Amino acid sequence: MVTIFHWDEPTWFSDSGGFTRASSVDRFTRYARIVIDRFCDRVTKWITINEPMVYASKGYLLGDFPPGRKVDLRGYFRVTHHQLLAHARTVEAGKSIAPKSEFGVAQAQIRLLPDREGDQRDIAAADRMDALLNRLFVDPLIHGSYPRVIKHLYQKRLPAGWERDLESMHSTPDFIGLN
């Protein structure tokens, strides 16, 4: 099993805006096509992107990973959206190159529970965090949509044209790895 993207971002990619830019999807897909083409005779299982939530949240919410931004919601949602779209396009490209291979994504999931069981505000807060850190990264692939609470609260922070991309994201990967 080979992971195509495990947070190792070339400087030129980062300098051009990285996954915050829509152009990153095509750049990543071109890179992935080269990798798959070169190794498909030896590899049959591919992880397109490792833990997109960790990459996006550490780089754009917590500031622990490059580019070190804190609470940059616009960046967080753009990076998330473009990673998921890059995943879907890589699966499509990979299947055309290596039709017998399996393609998936590795997801980090966090168990989120309300602080006070039965408290409606705590239940709602846990649901919002679950949507923001878990379902945001899985629902487009499985259901073809973002969680309702994301669309309601954060729609203006999503990249322009996000609705058009959901159909191609809804690719149902061969597998979803859980870390």
Foldseek 3Di string as FASTA:
>chain_A
DEELEEPDDDPVCVVVPHLLDLVNLVVLLVSLLVVCLVCVVPAQEYADYEALLCNLCCDDDVLNHPVRHHPNLLSSQSSLLSSLLSQLSNQVSNCVNRVRGFYEHEHEADDFDFPDPPPPVSRVVSVVVNLVRPQQNPCLQAPLDRDPVCCVPPVVSHDPPSSVSSVSSPNNGPDYHYD
